[in-house]
Amino acid sequence: MTIWIVGAGAIGSVIGAKLAHDDEVIFVDAWRDHVDAILERGLTVDYPEGSINVSAPAFHLSELDRVGGHPQVVILAVKSNFTAEILEVVLPYLSDDSIVVSTQNCINEDTIAALVGAKRTIGAMVRFGGALLGPGHVSSNQRARRLVIGELNGSLTDRLRSLATMLQPSVNAELTDNIWGHLWTKMVRNAELNAVAALTGFRTDEISSDVTARRVALTLGMETVRVALALGMVLDPAELYGPPESYLEPLDSSTMAVIERGFVEQSSRGPGVKASMLQDIERDRPTEIDYMNGYVVQKGGALGIPTPLNSQIVRLVKELEAHQRKSSPTVVAEVFADLIATVA
């Protein structure tokens, strides 16, 4: 099977490196130094179970004319900001039977389907992380790498089963008839944690241990769940520390107290993770704020559902991007306390 990994950063490389042993894997990226490093000395991925180095073809995004043939599977692993731009480049090289699988951090399946067609789009929800350490070098921090995949219409098809089998050497691919529900469940977690991490500089465990930061995160999640349920999404209670309907209750209710305890317990089970948006801010890169909390605001607005805290968080992160403020724990006292009091 011919697989293009489009966006050979952390997630793309973690998935693609192990697949390269059994399939024809071609890495495509817009970072020239990364492409050159893969060509010169292979791609090194540090997995918890041990490091591997694989030799595989790699091309800059501007060099696709040199690849030849069509990909059977495109694993799309670029930042959401660049989804449409990069798919426009890739589109001419797809065959009628090519499929595009979004292994991105946000909900991009609707954008992908609009460009390549729903028939060629498969949704995916990624439940593992990674880090790009330098050109040609990536690390993965989880031994259990979970990927949930599904057809946009909820069908459990033969091609979905074939895709899961193909991915199995790299990730534990689970089939679902509810991919949109899984994507929105992850959106709740992203909306809760990423912007709060970017603004405070906190890791996940630090967010959960600070009462105000934690309650800002939970309130962001409450607004997100309200929008998701209004859209008819079936959310995963196990990922949300309890029934999604609990998020419709007041923050100080007994039902939300259960959710809050689950939030803390999950975050304290291991060392804190540095959220992707905080990593972007530290590296002075554009964040995915418009595709996380901004996406919630957009969908809520279309439904007439207020999302005041998500709206304010979008504004604050854009100030970070514009260097009008800096990531700092002082945000908790100087900004978050007033925000949470306002929306309570």
C-alpha atoms as a PDB file:
ATOM      1  CA  MET A   1       0.000   0.000   0.000  1.00  0.00           C
ATOM      2  CA  THR A   2       1.291   3.460  -0.892  1.00  0.00           C
ATOM      3  CA  ILE A   3       0.949   5.865   2.029  1.00  0.00           C
ATOM      4  CA  TRP A   4       1.774   9.553   1.996  1.00  0.00           C
ATOM      5  CA  ILE A   5       2.437  11.118   5.392  1.00  0.00           C
ATOM      6  CA  VAL A   6       1.617  14.753   4.649  1.00  0.00           C
ATOM      7  CA  GLY A   7       2.978  16.723   7.564  1.00  0.00           C
ATOM      8  CA  ALA A   8       5.859  14.621   8.864  1.00  0.00           C
ATOM      9  CA  GLY A   9       5.990  16.299  12.256  1.00  0.00           C
ATOM     10  CA  ALA A  10       5.457  14.563  15.579  1.00  0.00           C
ATOM     11  CA  ILE A  11       2.189  12.708  14.953  1.00  0.00           C
ATOM     12  CA  GLY A  12       2.841  11.990  11.276  1.00  0.00           C
ATOM     13  CA  SER A  13       6.291  10.584  11.962  1.00  0.00           C
ATOM     14  CA  VAL A  14       5.182   8.527  14.959  1.00  0.00           C
ATOM     15  CA  ILE A  15       2.531   6.871  12.783  1.00  0.00           C
ATOM     16  CA  GLY A  16       4.603   6.599   9.617  1.00  0.00           C
ATOM     17  CA  ALA A  17       7.917   5.271  10.913  1.00  0.00           C
ATOM     18  CA  LYS A  18       6.628   1.838  11.917  1.00  0.00           C
ATOM     19  CA  LEU A  19       4.448   1.535   8.816  1.00  0.00           C
ATOM     20  CA  ALA A  20       7.525   1.989   6.616  1.00  0.00           C
ATOM     21  CA  HIS A  21       8.640  -1.576   7.409  1.00  0.00           C
ATOM     22  CA  ASP A  22       5.658  -3.170   5.629  1.00  0.00           C
ATOM     23  CA  ASP A  23       4.274  -0.539   3.247  1.00  0.00           C
ATOM     24  CA  GLU A  24       5.551   2.073   0.835  1.00  0.00           C
ATOM     25  CA  VAL A  25       5.598   5.189   3.007  1.00  0.00           C
ATOM     26  CA  ILE A  26       6.486   8.574   1.557  1.00  0.00           C
ATOM     27  CA  PHE A  27       7.018  11.519   3.910  1.00  0.00           C
ATOM     28  CA  VAL A  28       5.938  14.963   2.674  1.00  0.00           C
ATOM     29  CA  ASP A  29       6.682  18.114   4.633  1.00  0.00           C
ATOM     30  CA  ALA A  30       7.092  21.860   4.174  1.00  0.00           C
ATOM     31  CA  TRP A  31      10.191  22.077   6.411  1.00  0.00           C
ATOM     32  CA  ARG A  32      13.163  21.663   4.101  1.00  0.00           C
ATOM     33  CA  ASP A  33      15.668  20.837   6.855  1.00  0.00           C
ATOM     34  CA  HIS A  34      13.439  18.018   8.104  1.00  0.00           C
ATOM     35  CA  VAL A  35      13.053  16.542   4.616  1.00  0.00           C
ATOM     36  CA  ASP A  36      16.798  16.751   3.977  1.00  0.00           C
ATOM     37  CA  ALA A  37      17.577  15.096   7.316  1.00  0.00           C
ATOM     38  CA  ILE A  38      15.261  12.162   6.544  1.00  0.00           C
ATOM     39  CA  LEU A  39      16.912  11.727   3.165  1.00  0.00           C
ATOM     40  CA  GLU A  40      20.449  11.953   4.542  1.00  0.00           C
ATOM     41  CA  ARG A  41      20.236   9.865   7.704  1.00  0.00           C
ATOM     42  CA  GLY A  42      16.714   8.466   7.924  1.00  0.00           C
ATOM     43  CA  LEU A  43      13.891   9.279  10.315  1.00  0.00           C
ATOM     44  CA  THR A  44      14.550   8.535  13.987  1.00  0.00           C
ATOM     45  CA  VAL A  45      11.592   8.076  16.316  1.00  0.00           C
ATOM     46  CA  ASP A  46      12.092   7.531  20.045  1.00  0.00           C
ATOM     47  CA  TYR A  47       9.215   5.295  21.165  1.00  0.00           C
ATOM     48  CA  PRO A  48       8.828   4.255  24.823  1.00  0.00           C
ATOM     49  CA  GLU A  49       9.555   0.707  23.667  1.00  0.00           C
ATOM     50  CA  GLY A  50      12.799   1.785  21.953  1.00  0.00           C
ATOM     51  CA  SER A  51      14.154   4.045  19.216  1.00  0.00           C
ATOM     52  CA  ILE A  52      14.035   3.133  15.551  1.00  0.00           C
ATOM     53  CA  ASN A  53      15.556   4.665  12.445  1.00  0.00           C
ATOM     54  CA  VAL A  54      13.898   4.130   9.087  1.00  0.00           C
ATOM     55  CA  SER A  55      14.998   5.026   5.585  1.00  0.00           C
ATOM     56  CA  ALA A  56      12.121   6.241   3.451  1.00  0.00           C
ATOM     57  CA  PRO A  57      11.528   8.650   0.563  1.00  0.00           C
ATOM     58  CA  ALA A  58      10.902  12.221   1.651  1.00  0.00           C
ATOM     59  CA  PHE A  59       9.807  15.185  -0.421  1.00  0.00           C
ATOM     60  CA  HIS A  60       9.270  18.867   0.139  1.00  0.00           C
ATOM     61  CA  LEU A  61       5.686  19.956  -0.462  1.00  0.00           C
ATOM     62  CA  SER A  62       6.836  21.769  -3.608  1.00  0.00           C
ATOM     63  CA  GLU A  63       8.312  18.570  -5.088  1.00  0.00           C
ATOM     64  CA  LEU A  64       5.231  16.355  -5.461  1.00  0.00           C
ATOM     65  CA  ASP A  65       5.664  16.177  -9.251  1.00  0.00           C
ATOM     66  CA  ARG A  66       8.727  14.035  -8.549  1.00  0.00           C
ATOM     67  CA  VAL A  67       6.909  11.434  -6.458  1.00  0.00           C
ATOM     68  CA  GLY A  68       5.089   9.590  -9.237  1.00  0.00           C
ATOM     69  CA  GLY A  69       1.886   7.619  -8.902  1.00  0.00           C
ATOM     70  CA  HIS A  70      -1.026   8.235  -6.571  1.00  0.00           C
ATOM     71  CA  PRO A  71      -1.268   7.645  -2.831  1.00  0.00           C
ATOM     72  CA  GLN A  72      -3.767   5.065  -1.722  1.00  0.00           C
ATOM     73  CA  VAL A  73      -3.837   6.648   1.728  1.00  0.00           C
ATOM     74  CA  VAL A  74      -2.912  10.185   2.766  1.00  0.00           C
ATOM     75  CA  ILE A  75      -2.285  10.570   6.493  1.00  0.00           C
ATOM     76  CA  LEU A  76      -2.829  14.298   6.964  1.00  0.00           C
ATOM     77  CA  ALA A  77      -0.978  15.519  10.054  1.00  0.00           C
ATOM     78  CA  VAL A  78      -0.519  19.248   9.492  1.00  0.00           C
ATOM     79  CA  LYS A  79      -1.614  22.084  11.770  1.00  0.00           C
ATOM     80  CA  SER A  80      -5.270  22.948  11.247  1.00  0.00           C
ATOM     81  CA  ASN A  81      -4.262  26.442  10.082  1.00  0.00           C
ATOM     82  CA  PHE A  82      -2.785  24.900   6.925  1.00  0.00           C
ATOM     83  CA  THR A  83      -5.351  22.201   6.103  1.00  0.00           C
ATOM     84  CA  ALA A  84      -6.978  23.882   3.120  1.00  0.00           C
ATOM     85  CA  GLU A  85      -3.735  25.357   1.769  1.00  0.00           C
ATOM     86  CA  ILE A  86      -1.877  22.034   1.790  1.00  0.00           C
ATOM     87  CA  LEU A  87      -4.787  19.978   0.499  1.00  0.00           C
ATOM     88  CA  GLU A  88      -4.998  22.291  -2.511  1.00  0.00           C
ATOM     89  CA  VAL A  89      -1.414  21.255  -3.307  1.00  0.00           C
ATOM     90  CA  VAL A  90      -2.042  17.541  -2.728  1.00  0.00           C
ATOM     91  CA  LEU A  91      -5.428  17.342  -4.478  1.00  0.00           C
ATOM     92  CA  PRO A  92      -4.149  16.932  -8.078  1.00  0.00           C
ATOM     93  CA  TYR A  93      -2.178  13.827  -7.042  1.00  0.00           C
ATOM     94  CA  LEU A  94      -5.142  11.956  -5.567  1.00  0.00           C
ATOM     95  CA  SER A  95      -6.896   9.217  -7.507  1.00  0.00           C
ATOM     96  CA  ASP A  96     -10.638   8.584  -7.306  1.00  0.00           C
ATOM     97  CA  ASP A  97      -9.927   5.836  -4.770  1.00  0.00           C
ATOM     98  CA  SER A  98      -7.409   7.735  -2.620  1.00  0.00           C
ATOM     99  CA  ILE A  99      -8.507   8.382   0.953  1.00  0.00           C
ATOM    100  CA  VAL A 100      -7.460  11.245   3.225  1.00  0.00           C
ATOM    101  CA  VAL A 101      -7.282  10.499   6.951  1.00  0.00           C
ATOM    102  CA  SER A 102      -7.099  13.489   9.288  1.00  0.00           C
ATOM    103  CA  THR A 103      -4.805  12.753  12.224  1.00  0.00           C
ATOM    104  CA  GLN A 104      -4.920  16.386  13.264  1.00  0.00           C
ATOM    105  CA  ASN A 105      -5.578  17.972  16.620  1.00  0.00           C
ATOM    106  CA  CYS A 106      -8.863  19.668  15.748  1.00  0.00           C
ATOM    107  CA  ILE A 107     -12.003  18.987  13.719  1.00  0.00           C
ATOM    108  CA  ASN A 108     -10.947  19.351  10.084  1.00  0.00           C
ATOM    109  CA  GLU A 109     -13.033  16.625   8.491  1.00  0.00           C
ATOM    110  CA  ASP A 110     -15.661  19.053   7.206  1.00  0.00           C
ATOM    111  CA  THR A 111     -12.965  21.177   5.527  1.00  0.00           C
ATOM    112  CA  ILE A 112     -11.286  18.101   4.025  1.00  0.00           C
ATOM    113  CA  ALA A 113     -14.574  16.698   2.727  1.00  0.00           C
ATOM    114  CA  ALA A 114     -15.407  20.028   1.089  1.00  0.00           C
ATOM    115  CA  LEU A 115     -12.107  19.917  -0.822  1.00  0.00           C
ATOM    116  CA  VAL A 116     -11.616  16.237  -1.707  1.00  0.00           C
ATOM    117  CA  GLY A 117     -15.161  14.936  -1.282  1.00  0.00           C
ATOM    118  CA  ALA A 118     -16.758  13.064   1.610  1.00  0.00           C
ATOM    119  CA  LYS A 119     -16.228   9.785  -0.255  1.00  0.00           C
ATOM    120  CA  ARG A 120     -12.450  10.240   0.008  1.00  0.00           C
ATOM    121  CA  THR A 121     -12.449  11.429   3.637  1.00  0.00           C
ATOM    122  CA  ILE A 122     -12.061   9.320   6.764  1.00  0.00           C
ATOM    123  CA  GLY A 123     -12.195  10.868  10.218  1.00  0.00           C
ATOM    124  CA  ALA A 124      -9.749  10.057  12.975  1.00  0.00           C
ATOM    125  CA  MET A 125      -9.368  10.955  16.633  1.00  0.00           C
ATOM    126  CA  VAL A 126      -5.781  10.821  17.915  1.00  0.00           C
ATOM    127  CA  ARG A 127      -5.216   9.892  21.558  1.00  0.00           C
ATOM    128  CA  PHE A 128      -1.438  10.033  21.818  1.00  0.00           C
ATOM    129  CA  GLY A 129       1.208  12.696  21.663  1.00  0.00           C
ATOM    130  CA  GLY A 130       4.662  13.324  20.341  1.00  0.00           C
ATOM    131  CA  ALA A 131       7.316  15.962  19.948  1.00  0.00           C
ATOM    132  CA  LEU A 132       9.469  17.080  17.054  1.00  0.00           C
ATOM    133  CA  LEU A 133      12.944  17.258  18.597  1.00  0.00           C
ATOM    134  CA  GLY A 134      14.768  18.470  15.508  1.00  0.00           C
ATOM    135  CA  PRO A 135      15.242  17.710  11.810  1.00  0.00           C
ATOM    136  CA  GLY A 136      14.716  13.992  11.284  1.00  0.00           C
ATOM    137  CA  HIS A 137      14.129  13.286  14.987  1.00  0.00           C
ATOM    138  CA  VAL A 138      10.793  12.754  16.744  1.00  0.00           C
ATOM    139  CA  SER A 139       9.750  11.303  20.100  1.00  0.00           C
ATOM    140  CA  SER A 140       6.579   9.595  21.278  1.00  0.00           C
ATOM    141  CA  ASN A 141       5.662   9.631  24.960  1.00  0.00           C
ATOM    142  CA  GLN A 142       3.036   6.876  25.053  1.00  0.00           C
ATOM    143  CA  ARG A 143       3.379   3.136  24.679  1.00  0.00           C
ATOM    144  CA  ALA A 144      -0.371   2.723  24.118  1.00  0.00           C
ATOM    145  CA  ARG A 145      -1.051   4.753  20.990  1.00  0.00           C
ATOM    146  CA  ARG A 146      -4.772   4.891  20.287  1.00  0.00           C
ATOM    147  CA  LEU A 147      -6.418   6.064  17.078  1.00  0.00           C
ATOM    148  CA  VAL A 148     -10.188   5.980  16.526  1.00  0.00           C
ATOM    149  CA  ILE A 149     -11.223   5.990  12.857  1.00  0.00           C
ATOM    150  CA  GLY A 150     -14.618   6.242  11.228  1.00  0.00           C
ATOM    151  CA  GLU A 151     -16.515   6.999   8.052  1.00  0.00           C
ATOM    152  CA  LEU A 152     -18.177  10.400   8.124  1.00  0.00           C
ATOM    153  CA  ASN A 153     -21.601   8.808   7.586  1.00  0.00           C
ATOM    154  CA  GLY A 154     -21.105   6.273  10.388  1.00  0.00           C
ATOM    155  CA  SER A 155     -20.828   3.200   8.144  1.00  0.00           C
ATOM    156  CA  LEU A 156     -18.501   0.364   9.165  1.00  0.00           C
ATOM    157  CA  THR A 157     -16.999  -0.361   5.769  1.00  0.00           C
ATOM    158  CA  ASP A 158     -14.464  -2.825   4.379  1.00  0.00           C
ATOM    159  CA  ARG A 159     -12.057   0.001   3.585  1.00  0.00           C
ATOM    160  CA  LEU A 160     -12.249   1.129   7.207  1.00  0.00           C
ATOM    161  CA  ARG A 161     -11.348  -2.382   8.344  1.00  0.00           C
ATOM    162  CA  SER A 162      -8.479  -2.536   5.836  1.00  0.00           C
ATOM    163  CA  LEU A 163      -7.197   0.822   7.049  1.00  0.00           C
ATOM    164  CA  ALA A 164      -7.276  -0.354  10.672  1.00  0.00           C
ATOM    165  CA  THR A 165      -5.301  -3.474   9.753  1.00  0.00           C
ATOM    166  CA  MET A 166      -2.736  -1.392   7.866  1.00  0.00           C
ATOM    167  CA  LEU A 167      -2.288   0.992  10.819  1.00  0.00           C
ATOM    168  CA  GLN A 168      -2.036  -1.729  13.461  1.00  0.00           C
ATOM    169  CA  PRO A 169       1.792  -2.055  13.483  1.00  0.00           C
ATOM    170  CA  SER A 170       1.985   1.586  14.536  1.00  0.00           C
ATOM    171  CA  VAL A 171      -1.175   2.405  16.487  1.00  0.00           C
ATOM    172  CA  ASN A 172      -4.132   0.635  18.049  1.00  0.00           C
ATOM    173  CA  ALA A 173      -6.757   1.566  15.458  1.00  0.00           C
ATOM    174  CA  GLU A 174     -10.343   1.257  16.686  1.00  0.00           C
ATOM    175  CA  LEU A 175     -13.376   1.465  14.409  1.00  0.00           C
ATOM    176  CA  THR A 176     -16.352   3.636  15.307  1.00  0.00           C
ATOM    177  CA  ASP A 177     -19.746   4.484  13.871  1.00  0.00           C
ATOM    178  CA  ASN A 178     -19.635   7.758  15.827  1.00  0.00           C
ATOM    179  CA  ILE A 179     -16.521   9.578  14.632  1.00  0.00           C
ATOM    180  CA  TRP A 180     -18.098  13.024  15.021  1.00  0.00           C
ATOM    181  CA  GLY A 181     -18.906  12.265  18.664  1.00  0.00           C
ATOM    182  CA  HIS A 182     -15.307  11.202  19.291  1.00  0.00           C
ATOM    183  CA  LEU A 183     -13.974  14.338  17.585  1.00  0.00           C
ATOM    184  CA  TRP A 184     -16.199  16.598  19.684  1.00  0.00           C
ATOM    185  CA  THR A 185     -15.237  14.711  22.838  1.00  0.00           C
ATOM    186  CA  LYS A 186     -11.604  15.491  22.086  1.00  0.00           C
ATOM    187  CA  MET A 187     -12.595  19.089  21.292  1.00  0.00           C
ATOM    188  CA  VAL A 188     -13.895  19.418  24.850  1.00  0.00           C
ATOM    189  CA  ARG A 189     -10.480  18.398  26.209  1.00  0.00           C
ATOM    190  CA  ASN A 190      -8.661  20.668  23.755  1.00  0.00           C
ATOM    191  CA  ALA A 191     -10.885  23.638  24.555  1.00  0.00           C
ATOM    192  CA  GLU A 192     -10.372  23.080  28.284  1.00  0.00           C
ATOM    193  CA  LEU A 193      -6.617  22.719  28.388  1.00  0.00           C
ATOM    194  CA  ASN A 194      -4.752  24.192  25.434  1.00  0.00           C
ATOM    195  CA  ALA A 195      -5.511  27.892  25.760  1.00  0.00           C
ATOM    196  CA  VAL A 196      -5.223  27.787  29.564  1.00  0.00           C
ATOM    197  CA  ALA A 197      -1.793  26.168  29.200  1.00  0.00           C
ATOM    198  CA  ALA A 198      -0.698  28.741  26.630  1.00  0.00           C
ATOM    199  CA  LEU A 199      -1.754  31.674  28.787  1.00  0.00           C
ATOM    200  CA  THR A 200      -0.336  30.410  32.083  1.00  0.00           C
ATOM    201  CA  GLY A 201       2.641  28.333  30.948  1.00  0.00           C
ATOM    202  CA  PHE A 202       1.218  25.489  33.057  1.00  0.00           C
ATOM    203  CA  ARG A 203       1.521  21.803  32.252  1.00  0.00           C
ATOM    204  CA  THR A 204      -1.625  19.698  32.527  1.00  0.00           C
ATOM    205  CA  ASP A 205      -1.084  18.667  36.149  1.00  0.00           C
ATOM    206  CA  GLU A 206      -0.401  22.292  37.132  1.00  0.00           C
ATOM    207  CA  ILE A 207      -3.702  23.381  35.576  1.00  0.00           C
ATOM    208  CA  SER A 208      -5.602  20.766  37.576  1.00  0.00           C
ATOM    209  CA  SER A 209      -3.870  21.624  40.853  1.00  0.00           C
ATOM    210  CA  ASP A 210      -4.615  25.361  40.607  1.00  0.00           C
ATOM    211  CA  VAL A 211      -8.244  25.913  41.621  1.00  0.00           C
ATOM    212  CA  THR A 212      -8.870  28.967  39.447  1.00  0.00           C
ATOM    213  CA  ALA A 213      -7.095  27.647  36.342  1.00  0.00           C
ATOM    214  CA  ARG A 214      -8.904  24.323  36.752  1.00  0.00           C
ATOM    215  CA  ARG A 215     -12.294  26.000  37.012  1.00  0.00           C
ATOM    216  CA  VAL A 216     -11.623  28.163  33.976  1.00  0.00           C
ATOM    217  CA  ALA A 217     -10.741  24.984  32.078  1.00  0.00           C
ATOM    218  CA  LEU A 218     -13.904  23.233  33.240  1.00  0.00           C
ATOM    219  CA  THR A 219     -16.083  26.206  32.327  1.00  0.00           C
ATOM    220  CA  LEU A 220     -14.571  26.240  28.837  1.00  0.00           C
ATOM    221  CA  GLY A 221     -15.484  22.559  28.663  1.00  0.00           C
ATOM    222  CA  MET A 222     -19.022  23.243  29.877  1.00  0.00           C
ATOM    223  CA  GLU A 223     -19.598  25.727  27.060  1.00  0.00           C
ATOM    224  CA  THR A 224     -18.136  23.275  24.547  1.00  0.00           C
ATOM    225  CA  VAL A 225     -20.318  20.379  25.724  1.00  0.00           C
ATOM    226  CA  ARG A 226     -23.396  22.600  25.517  1.00  0.00           C
ATOM    227  CA  VAL A 227     -22.625  23.347  21.856  1.00  0.00           C
ATOM    228  CA  ALA A 228     -21.795  19.716  21.051  1.00  0.00           C
ATOM    229  CA  LEU A 229     -25.010  18.390  22.569  1.00  0.00           C
ATOM    230  CA  ALA A 230     -27.030  21.030  20.729  1.00  0.00           C
ATOM    231  CA  LEU A 231     -25.439  19.732  17.515  1.00  0.00           C
ATOM    232  CA  GLY A 232     -26.673  16.254  18.398  1.00  0.00           C
ATOM    233  CA  MET A 233     -23.264  14.808  19.223  1.00  0.00           C
ATOM    234  CA  VAL A 234     -23.001  11.629  21.285  1.00  0.00           C
ATOM    235  CA  LEU A 235     -20.035  12.286  23.572  1.00  0.00           C
ATOM    236  CA  ASP A 236     -17.903   9.726  25.394  1.00  0.00           C
ATOM    237  CA  PRO A 237     -18.556   9.823  29.184  1.00  0.00           C
ATOM    238  CA  ALA A 238     -15.321   7.937  29.924  1.00  0.00           C
ATOM    239  CA  GLU A 239     -13.259  10.698  28.338  1.00  0.00           C
ATOM    240  CA  LEU A 240     -15.248  13.433  30.100  1.00  0.00           C
ATOM    241  CA  TYR A 241     -15.097  11.973  33.662  1.00  0.00           C
ATOM    242  CA  GLY A 242     -18.845  11.437  33.734  1.00  0.00           C
ATOM    243  CA  PRO A 243     -22.106  11.971  31.845  1.00  0.00           C
ATOM    244  CA  PRO A 244     -21.904  14.834  29.330  1.00  0.00           C
ATOM    245  CA  GLU A 245     -25.215  16.160  30.690  1.00  0.00           C
ATOM    246  CA  SER A 246     -23.415  16.955  33.961  1.00  0.00           C
ATOM    247  CA  TYR A 247     -21.674  19.787  32.116  1.00  0.00           C
ATOM    248  CA  LEU A 248     -25.037  21.508  31.700  1.00  0.00           C
ATOM    249  CA  GLU A 249     -25.330  21.964  35.459  1.00  0.00           C
ATOM    250  CA  PRO A 250     -23.858  24.947  37.381  1.00  0.00           C
ATOM    251  CA  LEU A 251     -20.132  24.824  38.095  1.00  0.00           C
ATOM    252  CA  ASP A 252     -20.774  24.528  41.854  1.00  0.00           C
ATOM    253  CA  SER A 253     -23.326  21.726  41.511  1.00  0.00           C
ATOM    254  CA  SER A 254     -22.753  18.256  42.971  1.00  0.00           C
ATOM    255  CA  THR A 255     -22.688  16.723  39.482  1.00  0.00           C
ATOM    256  CA  MET A 256     -19.925  19.057  38.340  1.00  0.00           C
ATOM    257  CA  ALA A 257     -18.040  18.312  41.569  1.00  0.00           C
ATOM    258  CA  VAL A 258     -17.805  14.690  40.397  1.00  0.00           C
ATOM    259  CA  ILE A 259     -16.485  15.840  37.025  1.00  0.00           C
ATOM    260  CA  GLU A 260     -13.968  18.107  38.736  1.00  0.00           C
ATOM    261  CA  ARG A 261     -12.645  15.246  40.881  1.00  0.00           C
ATOM    262  CA  GLY A 262     -12.227  13.083  37.793  1.00  0.00           C
ATOM    263  CA  PHE A 263     -10.395  15.910  36.053  1.00  0.00           C
ATOM    264  CA  VAL A 264      -7.937  16.177  38.948  1.00  0.00           C
ATOM    265  CA  GLU A 265      -7.464  12.425  39.339  1.00  0.00           C
ATOM    266  CA  GLN A 266      -6.691  11.913  35.657  1.00  0.00           C
ATOM    267  CA  SER A 267      -4.190  14.773  35.575  1.00  0.00           C
ATOM    268  CA  SER A 268      -2.353  13.569  38.676  1.00  0.00           C
ATOM    269  CA  ARG A 269      -1.705  10.039  37.395  1.00  0.00           C
ATOM    270  CA  GLY A 270       1.505  10.943  35.632  1.00  0.00           C
ATOM    271  CA  PRO A 271       3.864  13.808  34.841  1.00  0.00           C
ATOM    272  CA  GLY A 272       2.190  16.806  33.331  1.00  0.00           C
ATOM    273  CA  VAL A 273       2.018  17.117  29.566  1.00  0.00           C
ATOM    274  CA  LYS A 274       2.919  20.345  27.826  1.00  0.00           C
ATOM    275  CA  ALA A 275      -0.040  21.227  25.605  1.00  0.00           C
ATOM    276  CA  SER A 276       0.545  21.776  21.909  1.00  0.00           C
ATOM    277  CA  MET A 277      -0.638  25.388  22.058  1.00  0.00           C
ATOM    278  CA  LEU A 278       1.878  26.195  24.784  1.00  0.00           C
ATOM    279  CA  GLN A 279       4.610  24.623  22.633  1.00  0.00           C
ATOM    280  CA  ASP A 280       3.513  26.850  19.734  1.00  0.00           C
ATOM    281  CA  ILE A 281       3.673  29.980  21.873  1.00  0.00           C
ATOM    282  CA  GLU A 282       7.119  29.038  23.202  1.00  0.00           C
ATOM    283  CA  ARG A 283       8.371  28.590  19.634  1.00  0.00           C
ATOM    284  CA  ASP A 284       6.647  31.777  18.411  1.00  0.00           C
ATOM    285  CA  ARG A 285       4.446  29.850  15.984  1.00  0.00           C
ATOM    286  CA  PRO A 286       0.798  30.508  15.109  1.00  0.00           C
ATOM    287  CA  THR A 287      -1.538  28.553  17.374  1.00  0.00           C
ATOM    288  CA  GLU A 288      -4.670  26.589  16.476  1.00  0.00           C
ATOM    289  CA  ILE A 289      -6.855  28.808  18.671  1.00  0.00           C
ATOM    290  CA  ASP A 290      -9.297  29.551  15.825  1.00  0.00           C
ATOM    291  CA  TYR A 291      -9.756  25.801  15.325  1.00  0.00           C
ATOM    292  CA  MET A 292     -10.206  24.964  19.012  1.00  0.00           C
ATOM    293  CA  ASN A 293     -11.955  27.528  21.187  1.00  0.00           C
ATOM    294  CA  GLY A 294     -12.653  29.658  18.119  1.00  0.00           C
ATOM    295  CA  TYR A 295     -14.407  26.693  16.504  1.00  0.00           C
ATOM    296  CA  VAL A 296     -16.624  26.380  19.589  1.00  0.00           C
ATOM    297  CA  VAL A 297     -17.471  30.081  19.412  1.00  0.00           C
ATOM    298  CA  GLN A 298     -18.284  29.797  15.705  1.00  0.00           C
ATOM    299  CA  LYS A 299     -20.535  26.745  16.091  1.00  0.00           C
ATOM    300  CA  GLY A 300     -22.182  28.190  19.193  1.00  0.00           C
ATOM    301  CA  GLY A 301     -22.886  31.452  17.422  1.00  0.00           C
ATOM    302  CA  ALA A 302     -24.578  29.637  14.542  1.00  0.00           C
ATOM    303  CA  LEU A 303     -26.865  27.936  17.073  1.00  0.00           C
ATOM    304  CA  GLY A 304     -27.475  31.038  19.158  1.00  0.00           C
ATOM    305  CA  ILE A 305     -25.630  29.526  22.138  1.00  0.00           C
ATOM    306  CA  PRO A 306     -23.498  32.012  24.105  1.00  0.00           C
ATOM    307  CA  THR A 307     -19.856  31.020  24.686  1.00  0.00           C
ATOM    308  CA  PRO A 308     -18.522  34.048  26.599  1.00  0.00           C
ATOM    309  CA  LEU A 309     -15.503  32.409  28.212  1.00  0.00           C
ATOM    310  CA  ASN A 310     -14.358  30.746  25.007  1.00  0.00           C
ATOM    311  CA  SER A 311     -14.710  34.114  23.251  1.00  0.00           C
ATOM    312  CA  GLN A 312     -12.550  35.822  25.875  1.00  0.00           C
ATOM    313  CA  ILE A 313      -9.940  33.057  25.759  1.00  0.00           C
ATOM    314  CA  VAL A 314      -9.647  33.415  21.980  1.00  0.00           C
ATOM    315  CA  ARG A 315      -8.998  37.137  22.438  1.00  0.00           C
ATOM    316  CA  LEU A 316      -6.331  36.516  25.085  1.00  0.00           C
ATOM    317  CA  VAL A 317      -4.462  33.922  23.050  1.00  0.00           C
ATOM    318  CA  LYS A 318      -4.451  36.219  20.034  1.00  0.00           C
ATOM    319  CA  GLU A 319      -2.813  38.819  22.283  1.00  0.00           C
ATOM    320  CA  LEU A 320      -0.147  36.201  23.073  1.00  0.00           C
ATOM    321  CA  GLU A 321       0.414  35.592  19.375  1.00  0.00           C
ATOM    322  CA  ALA A 322       0.720  39.341  18.781  1.00  0.00           C
ATOM    323  CA  HIS A 323       3.264  39.635  21.657  1.00  0.00           C
ATOM    324  CA  GLN A 324       0.880  41.929  23.540  1.00  0.00           C
ATOM    325  CA  ARG A 325       1.139  39.667  26.599  1.00  0.00           C
ATOM    326  CA  LYS A 326       3.334  36.801  27.796  1.00  0.00           C
ATOM    327  CA  SER A 327       2.571  33.349  29.171  1.00  0.00           C
ATOM    328  CA  SER A 328       2.676  33.660  32.946  1.00  0.00           C
ATOM    329  CA  PRO A 329       1.151  32.076  36.052  1.00  0.00           C
ATOM    330  CA  THR A 330       0.159  35.598  37.106  1.00  0.00           C
ATOM    331  CA  VAL A 331      -2.637  35.375  34.521  1.00  0.00           C
ATOM    332  CA  VAL A 332      -4.521  33.212  37.031  1.00  0.00           C
ATOM    333  CA  ALA A 333      -4.832  36.046  39.540  1.00  0.00           C
ATOM    334  CA  GLU A 334      -4.792  38.981  37.141  1.00  0.00           C
ATOM    335  CA  VAL A 335      -7.224  37.698  34.482  1.00  0.00           C
ATOM    336  CA  PHE A 336      -8.721  34.260  35.158  1.00  0.00           C
ATOM    337  CA  ALA A 337     -10.218  35.111  38.558  1.00  0.00           C
ATOM    338  CA  ASP A 338     -12.255  37.945  37.011  1.00  0.00           C
ATOM    339  CA  LEU A 339     -13.249  35.844  33.992  1.00  0.00           C
ATOM    340  CA  ILE A 340     -14.571  32.984  36.058  1.00  0.00           C
ATOM    341  CA  ALA A 341     -16.430  35.362  38.356  1.00  0.00           C
ATOM    342  CA  THR A 342     -18.044  37.024  35.316  1.00  0.00           C
ATOM    343  CA  VAL A 343     -19.390  33.833  33.763  1.00  0.00           C
ATOM    344  CA  ALA A 344     -20.224  31.987  37.007  1.00  0.00           C
END
